Amino acid sequence: MLRDYISPALATVLIAFSLYFFYVGIALMMAKDVASSLLAVLIGFVTLGGGITLLRSWTLARAYTIKEKRE
């Protein structure tokens, strides 16, 4: 039962982590530190993509198991 909710919790953590890195990237842009800000924004995009992909695959797997139980 608990195993079913590890993936969405991890996806939520990844999305929150990406928002933090977007914030850091914007703060570094204001300080005119270009390379560091681009790296922070890139890390933000990668973690956002990972979190969304994990959440999407969890949703599809959950829908598939519910469909199997109904049949």
C-alpha atoms as a PDB file:
ATOM      1  CA  MET A   1       0.000   0.000   0.000  1.00  0.00           C
ATOM      2  CA  LEU A   2       2.746   2.451   0.922  1.00  0.00           C
ATOM      3  CA  ARG A   3       4.723   1.396  -2.139  1.00  0.00           C
ATOM      4  CA  ASP A   4       1.962   2.802  -4.345  1.00  0.00           C
ATOM      5  CA  TYR A   5       2.598   6.337  -3.128  1.00  0.00           C
ATOM      6  CA  ILE A   6       6.393   6.495  -3.226  1.00  0.00           C
ATOM      7  CA  SER A   7       6.490   7.470  -6.915  1.00  0.00           C
ATOM      8  CA  PRO A   8       4.109  10.452  -6.677  1.00  0.00           C
ATOM      9  CA  ALA A   9       5.860  11.657  -3.533  1.00  0.00           C
ATOM     10  CA  LEU A  10       9.225  11.462  -5.281  1.00  0.00           C
ATOM     11  CA  ALA A  11       7.762  13.226  -8.329  1.00  0.00           C
ATOM     12  CA  THR A  12       6.471  16.016  -6.082  1.00  0.00           C
ATOM     13  CA  VAL A  13       9.908  16.368  -4.495  1.00  0.00           C
ATOM     14  CA  LEU A  14      11.535  16.563  -7.936  1.00  0.00           C
ATOM     15  CA  ILE A  15       9.076  19.235  -9.083  1.00  0.00           C
ATOM     16  CA  ALA A  16       9.680  21.259  -5.907  1.00  0.00           C
ATOM     17  CA  PHE A  17      13.444  20.844  -6.405  1.00  0.00           C
ATOM     18  CA  SER A  18      13.118  22.142  -9.968  1.00  0.00           C
ATOM     19  CA  LEU A  19      11.175  25.195  -8.794  1.00  0.00           C
ATOM     20  CA  TYR A  20      13.959  25.897  -6.297  1.00  0.00           C
ATOM     21  CA  PHE A  21      16.567  25.709  -9.050  1.00  0.00           C
ATOM     22  CA  PHE A  22      14.502  28.045 -11.243  1.00  0.00           C
ATOM     23  CA  TYR A  23      14.466  30.502  -8.338  1.00  0.00           C
ATOM     24  CA  VAL A  24      18.243  30.160  -7.912  1.00  0.00           C
ATOM     25  CA  GLY A  25      18.717  30.663 -11.653  1.00  0.00           C
ATOM     26  CA  ILE A  26      16.686  33.875 -11.603  1.00  0.00           C
ATOM     27  CA  ALA A  27      18.604  35.139  -8.574  1.00  0.00           C
ATOM     28  CA  LEU A  28      21.901  34.425 -10.332  1.00  0.00           C
ATOM     29  CA  MET A  29      20.653  36.206 -13.470  1.00  0.00           C
ATOM     30  CA  MET A  30      20.015  39.319 -11.381  1.00  0.00           C
ATOM     31  CA  ALA A  31      23.571  39.086 -10.074  1.00  0.00           C
ATOM     32  CA  LYS A  32      24.761  38.890 -13.718  1.00  0.00           C
ATOM     33  CA  ASP A  33      26.362  35.482 -13.222  1.00  0.00           C
ATOM     34  CA  VAL A  34      25.461  34.026 -16.606  1.00  0.00           C
ATOM     35  CA  ALA A  35      27.088  30.597 -16.625  1.00  0.00           C
ATOM     36  CA  SER A  36      25.849  29.632 -13.176  1.00  0.00           C
ATOM     37  CA  SER A  37      22.338  30.867 -13.886  1.00  0.00           C
ATOM     38  CA  LEU A  38      22.136  28.882 -17.125  1.00  0.00           C
ATOM     39  CA  LEU A  39      23.355  25.761 -15.328  1.00  0.00           C
ATOM     40  CA  ALA A  40      20.771  26.237 -12.554  1.00  0.00           C
ATOM     41  CA  VAL A  41      17.969  26.703 -15.080  1.00  0.00           C
ATOM     42  CA  LEU A  42      19.149  23.624 -16.996  1.00  0.00           C
ATOM     43  CA  ILE A  43      19.107  21.557 -13.803  1.00  0.00           C
ATOM     44  CA  GLY A  44      15.631  22.934 -13.119  1.00  0.00           C
ATOM     45  CA  PHE A  45      14.363  21.833 -16.529  1.00  0.00           C
ATOM     46  CA  VAL A  46      15.890  18.370 -16.197  1.00  0.00           C
ATOM     47  CA  THR A  47      14.393  17.757 -12.760  1.00  0.00           C
ATOM     48  CA  LEU A  48      11.037  19.139 -13.896  1.00  0.00           C
ATOM     49  CA  GLY A  49      11.042  16.774 -16.857  1.00  0.00           C
ATOM     50  CA  GLY A  50      11.991  13.865 -14.614  1.00  0.00           C
ATOM     51  CA  GLY A  51       9.273  14.662 -12.091  1.00  0.00           C
ATOM     52  CA  ILE A  52       6.580  15.010 -14.745  1.00  0.00           C
ATOM     53  CA  THR A  53       7.691  11.800 -16.483  1.00  0.00           C
ATOM     54  CA  LEU A  54       7.664   9.893 -13.196  1.00  0.00           C
ATOM     55  CA  LEU A  55       4.207  11.214 -12.337  1.00  0.00           C
ATOM     56  CA  ARG A  56       2.878  10.390 -15.805  1.00  0.00           C
ATOM     57  CA  SER A  57       4.248   6.840 -15.761  1.00  0.00           C
ATOM     58  CA  TRP A  58       2.842   6.283 -12.251  1.00  0.00           C
ATOM     59  CA  THR A  59      -0.580   7.477 -13.451  1.00  0.00           C
ATOM     60  CA  LEU A  60      -0.511   5.179 -16.479  1.00  0.00           C
ATOM     61  CA  ALA A  61       0.603   2.190 -14.402  1.00  0.00           C
ATOM     62  CA  ARG A  62      -2.101   2.876 -11.831  1.00  0.00           C
ATOM     63  CA  ALA A  63      -4.772   3.128 -14.539  1.00  0.00           C
ATOM     64  CA  TYR A  64      -3.553  -0.134 -16.078  1.00  0.00           C
ATOM     65  CA  THR A  65      -3.704  -2.009 -12.766  1.00  0.00           C
ATOM     66  CA  ILE A  66      -7.192  -0.688 -12.061  1.00  0.00           C
ATOM     67  CA  LYS A  67      -8.292  -1.800 -15.522  1.00  0.00           C
ATOM     68  CA  GLU A  68      -6.806  -5.269 -14.934  1.00  0.00           C
ATOM     69  CA  LYS A  69      -8.653  -5.584 -11.618  1.00  0.00           C
ATOM     70  CA  ARG A  70     -11.976  -4.752 -13.277  1.00  0.00           C
ATOM     71  CA  GLU A  71     -11.566  -7.476 -15.918  1.00  0.00           C
END
